[in-house]
Protein backbone atom coordinates (compact mmCIF):
# COMPACT_ATOMS: atom_id res chain seq x y z
CA MET A 1 48.54 9.83 -11.02
CA PHE A 2 47.85 8.32 -7.59
CA LEU A 3 44.12 9.04 -7.67
CA LYS A 4 43.94 7.86 -11.27
CA SER A 5 45.49 4.53 -10.30
CA ILE A 6 43.09 4.17 -7.38
CA LEU A 7 40.14 4.83 -9.69
CA GLU A 8 41.50 2.26 -12.12
CA SER A 9 41.80 -0.25 -9.28
CA THR A 10 38.02 -0.17 -8.93
CA THR A 11 37.95 -2.36 -12.05
CA LEU A 12 38.99 -5.16 -9.70
CA LEU A 13 35.41 -5.11 -8.43
CA THR A 14 34.23 -6.30 -11.85
CA ASN A 15 36.25 -9.50 -11.51
CA PRO A 16 34.00 -12.24 -10.05
CA HIS A 17 36.96 -14.01 -8.45
CA ILE A 18 38.07 -10.85 -6.64
CA LEU A 19 34.50 -10.14 -5.54
CA PHE A 20 34.21 -13.66 -4.18
CA LEU A 21 37.39 -13.19 -2.13
CA ILE A 22 36.17 -9.83 -0.80
CA PHE A 23 32.85 -11.31 0.32
CA LEU A 24 34.67 -14.30 1.77
CA TRP A 25 36.75 -11.92 3.90
CA LEU A 26 33.62 -10.09 5.05
CA PHE A 27 32.04 -13.45 5.93
CA LEU A 28 35.10 -14.49 7.94
CA GLN A 29 35.03 -11.19 9.81
CA SER A 30 31.32 -11.63 10.57
CA ILE A 31 32.00 -15.03 12.10
CA TYR A 32 34.84 -13.57 14.18
CA LEU A 33 32.62 -10.72 15.38
CA LEU A 34 29.92 -13.22 16.36
CA PHE A 35 32.46 -15.27 18.30
CA ILE A 36 33.68 -12.19 20.20
CA ARG A 37 30.12 -11.33 21.21
CA LEU A 38 29.38 -14.85 22.36
CA ALA A 39 32.65 -15.06 24.31
CA THR A 40 32.33 -11.68 26.03
CA ASN A 41 28.59 -11.76 26.74
CA ALA A 42 28.56 -15.14 28.49
CA LYS A 43 27.84 -14.81 32.23
CA GLU A 44 30.86 -16.85 33.25
CA SER A 45 33.06 -14.54 31.16
CA GLN A 46 32.04 -11.23 32.69
CA ASP A 47 34.83 -11.07 35.26
CA ALA A 48 37.37 -13.35 33.62
CA ALA A 49 40.55 -12.44 31.77
CA ALA A 50 40.58 -15.67 29.77
CA PRO A 51 37.99 -14.59 27.14
CA GLY A 52 40.08 -11.53 26.28
CA CYS A 53 43.21 -13.65 25.85
CA LEU A 54 41.29 -16.24 23.88
CA THR A 55 39.78 -13.70 21.47
CA LEU A 56 43.20 -12.06 20.98
CA ILE A 57 44.87 -15.37 20.14
CA LEU A 58 42.00 -16.49 17.93
CA GLY A 59 41.95 -13.09 16.23
CA VAL A 60 45.62 -13.33 15.28
CA LEU A 61 45.26 -16.89 13.97
CA TRP A 62 41.88 -16.41 12.29
CA ASN A 63 42.67 -13.09 10.63
CA GLY A 64 46.26 -14.01 9.81
CA VAL A 65 45.37 -17.27 8.08
CA GLY A 66 42.32 -15.72 6.41
CA LEU A 67 44.14 -12.65 5.13
CA GLY A 68 47.14 -14.64 3.95
CA GLY A 69 44.91 -17.15 2.14
CA ILE A 70 42.76 -14.52 0.44
CA LEU A 71 45.76 -12.52 -0.78
CA LEU A 72 47.46 -15.72 -1.90
CA PHE A 73 44.64 -16.25 -4.41
CA ALA A 74 44.02 -12.56 -5.17
CA LEU A 75 47.54 -11.36 -5.96
CA PRO A 76 48.19 -13.72 -8.91
CA ILE A 77 44.99 -12.37 -10.49
CA ILE A 78 45.93 -8.76 -9.77
CA PHE A 79 49.47 -9.35 -11.07
CA LYS A 80 47.92 -10.93 -14.20
CA MET A 81 49.72 -14.18 -13.62
CA THR A 82 46.41 -15.99 -14.04
CA THR A 83 42.83 -15.07 -14.89
CA GLY A 84 41.21 -17.03 -12.08
CA PHE A 85 41.83 -19.29 -9.12
CA SER A 86 44.73 -21.59 -9.86
CA TRP A 87 46.06 -24.02 -7.29
CA GLN A 88 49.05 -24.63 -9.56
CA TRP A 89 50.16 -21.03 -9.09
CA VAL A 90 49.55 -20.70 -5.37
CA GLU A 91 50.44 -24.13 -3.99
CA PRO A 92 54.21 -23.42 -3.66
CA TYR A 93 53.51 -20.23 -1.70
CA CYS A 94 51.04 -21.47 0.91
CA LEU A 95 53.49 -21.40 3.82
CA ILE A 96 54.84 -18.00 2.76
CA ALA A 97 51.29 -16.63 2.61
CA LEU A 98 50.48 -18.11 6.03
CA ARG A 99 53.60 -16.60 7.57
CA SER A 100 53.04 -13.24 5.85
CA GLY A 101 49.41 -13.04 7.00
CA LEU A 102 50.28 -13.88 10.59
CA LEU A 103 53.14 -11.36 10.65
CA GLY A 104 50.88 -8.69 9.19
CA VAL A 105 48.23 -9.23 11.86
CA LEU A 106 50.88 -9.43 14.60
CA VAL A 107 52.27 -6.06 13.52
CA MET A 108 48.84 -4.42 13.83
CA THR A 109 48.22 -6.22 17.13
CA ALA A 110 51.50 -4.84 18.48
CA LEU A 111 50.62 -1.33 17.29
CA SER A 112 47.20 -1.60 18.94
CA LEU A 113 48.94 -2.03 22.31
CA ILE A 114 50.49 1.44 22.03
CA PRO A 115 48.53 4.04 24.04
CA TYR A 116 46.37 6.40 21.98
CA LEU A 117 47.36 4.71 18.73
CA GLY A 118 45.78 1.49 19.92
CA LYS A 119 42.57 3.31 20.84
CA PHE A 120 42.48 4.87 17.36
CA ILE A 121 43.05 1.50 15.64
CA ALA A 122 40.42 -0.19 17.81
CA THR A 123 37.71 2.13 16.50
CA SER A 124 38.16 0.84 12.95
CA PRO A 125 38.41 -2.88 12.12
CA GLY A 126 39.00 -1.92 8.48
CA LEU A 127 42.10 0.04 9.49
CA GLU A 128 43.52 -3.12 11.05
CA THR A 129 42.76 -4.99 7.82
CA LEU A 130 44.44 -2.30 5.72
CA GLY A 131 47.59 -2.19 7.82
CA ALA A 132 47.91 -5.96 8.14
CA GLY A 133 47.06 -6.41 4.45
CA ILE A 134 49.75 -4.02 3.21
CA VAL A 135 52.35 -5.79 5.35
CA THR A 136 51.13 -9.15 4.02
CA VAL A 137 51.26 -8.01 0.39
CA ARG A 138 54.75 -6.58 0.89
CA LEU A 139 56.00 -9.85 2.37
CA LEU A 140 54.20 -12.18 -0.05
CA SER A 141 54.55 -10.35 -3.38
CA PRO A 142 58.35 -10.75 -3.83
CA SER A 143 57.97 -14.52 -4.02
CA LEU A 144 55.19 -14.22 -6.60
CA LEU A 145 57.06 -11.62 -8.64
CA ASP A 146 60.19 -13.79 -8.66
CA LYS A 147 58.19 -16.34 -10.63
CA ILE A 148 57.78 -13.85 -13.48
CA SER A 149 60.98 -11.85 -12.87
CA PRO A 150 62.23 -12.14 -16.49
CA PHE A 151 59.48 -9.69 -17.41
CA ILE A 152 60.10 -7.28 -14.53
CA PRO A 153 63.21 -5.05 -14.46
CA HIS A 154 62.83 -4.55 -10.70
CA HIS A 155 60.32 -5.15 -7.96
CA PRO A 156 58.13 -2.05 -8.08
CA TYR A 157 56.71 -1.04 -4.73
CA PRO A 158 54.79 2.16 -4.02
CA SER A 159 56.58 4.79 -1.97
CA ILE A 160 55.75 5.50 1.65
CA LEU A 161 53.86 8.62 0.53
CA ILE A 162 51.56 6.52 -1.65
CA VAL A 163 50.98 4.12 1.23
CA LEU A 164 50.10 7.06 3.46
CA GLY A 165 47.77 8.25 0.71
CA LEU A 166 45.93 4.91 0.88
CA PHE A 167 45.47 5.35 4.63
CA VAL A 168 44.20 8.91 4.16
CA LEU A 169 41.66 7.78 1.54
CA PHE A 170 40.56 4.92 3.76
CA LEU A 171 40.09 7.21 6.75
CA PHE A 172 38.09 9.65 4.63
CA PHE A 173 35.63 6.99 3.48
CA SER A 174 35.57 5.34 6.89
CA LYS A 175 34.77 8.56 8.76
CA LEU A 176 32.22 9.56 6.13
CA THR A 177 30.48 6.21 6.57
CA GLN A 178 30.54 6.55 10.35
CA LEU A 179 29.02 10.02 10.11
CA ILE A 180 26.18 8.84 7.86
CA LEU A 181 25.44 5.81 10.02
CA HIS A 182 25.58 7.92 13.17
CA LEU A 183 22.90 10.17 11.73
CA ILE A 184 20.80 7.13 10.84
CA SER A 185 21.32 5.64 14.30
CA SER A 186 20.29 8.93 15.96
CA LYS A 187 17.06 8.99 13.97
CA LEU A 188 16.36 5.40 14.95
CA LYS A 189 16.85 6.23 18.62
CA ASN A 190 14.54 9.22 18.37
CA GLY A 191 12.00 7.02 16.63
CA ASN A 192 12.02 4.50 19.47
CA SER A 193 13.48 1.78 17.30
CA SER A 194 14.43 -1.60 18.72
CA ALA A 195 17.90 -2.46 19.98
CA THR A 196 18.15 -5.00 17.17
CA GLN A 197 17.73 -2.29 14.53
CA GLN A 198 20.41 -0.15 16.15
CA ARG A 199 22.73 -3.15 16.36
CA LEU A 200 22.18 -3.82 12.65
CA VAL A 201 23.25 -0.25 11.85
CA GLN A 202 26.42 -0.74 13.90
CA ASP A 203 27.14 -4.04 12.18
CA LEU A 204 26.60 -2.44 8.78
CA GLY A 205 29.18 0.18 9.69
CA GLN A 206 31.74 -2.51 10.51
CA VAL A 207 31.01 -4.37 7.27
CA ILE A 208 31.51 -1.21 5.20
CA ASP A 209 34.67 -0.42 7.17
CA GLN A 210 36.05 -3.89 6.46
CA PHE A 211 35.08 -3.60 2.80
CA CYS A 212 37.02 -0.35 2.48
CA GLY A 213 39.99 -1.92 4.26
CA ILE A 214 40.26 -5.00 2.05
CA PHE A 215 39.57 -2.94 -1.09
CA PHE A 216 42.49 -0.61 -0.43
CA VAL A 217 44.70 -3.62 0.32
CA LEU A 218 43.86 -4.95 -3.14
CA SER A 219 44.41 -1.46 -4.55
CA TYR A 220 47.92 -1.57 -3.07
CA GLY A 221 48.52 -4.76 -5.00
CA TYR A 222 47.10 -3.10 -8.11
CA LEU A 223 49.52 -0.17 -7.67
CA ILE A 224 52.40 -2.65 -7.64
CA SER A 225 51.11 -4.34 -10.78
CA SER A 226 50.42 -1.07 -12.65
CA GLN A 227 54.07 0.01 -12.40
CA TRP A 228 55.34 -2.78 -14.60
CA HIS A 229 52.38 -3.77 -16.78
């Protein structure tokens, strides 16, 4: 049943509005990655603590606002409240989405400070997106579902086992992608490829990782919707 629902959630990728939001998230993450590189590679930043603090603060604000905004427009489509972008539906929930996104990112930031766990999270930007996204959906969705509560007997949320299943699936695809790209990167090194080509392979890995993360976040929303539709 779980795997069947996940497979069904891939139909979200046929919705042009959902695809636009996914690519918008990937674009926002690319800008953030570029900023981190510029901030940490500058000569005056080599021995300073300020760039690390700045990137942490910007990361929370940038990712929190971005994730909250994207899910604010995506969830009404996933919940079949509307067939496309509708400011009428989302306008009353802007502050809730902003707060939910920031809290979701703050939760993952706090977890990343825990020894060992933080090192594991740091190796996968998509894992941060998945964790923060699930928290954001869980905080934001009750307000959206209340708008159509006459048609819902209760607020259906997946169990903790299903949530863990999403993380397991994500890690499977993430590690598989890393393995494939590692093999490609090794061949490039042996072939005396340029540093730019190797950097592109690394960037591709992060893009795919982020894609998997945001997709499983949307799948979580789909699992909520499928229990009452």
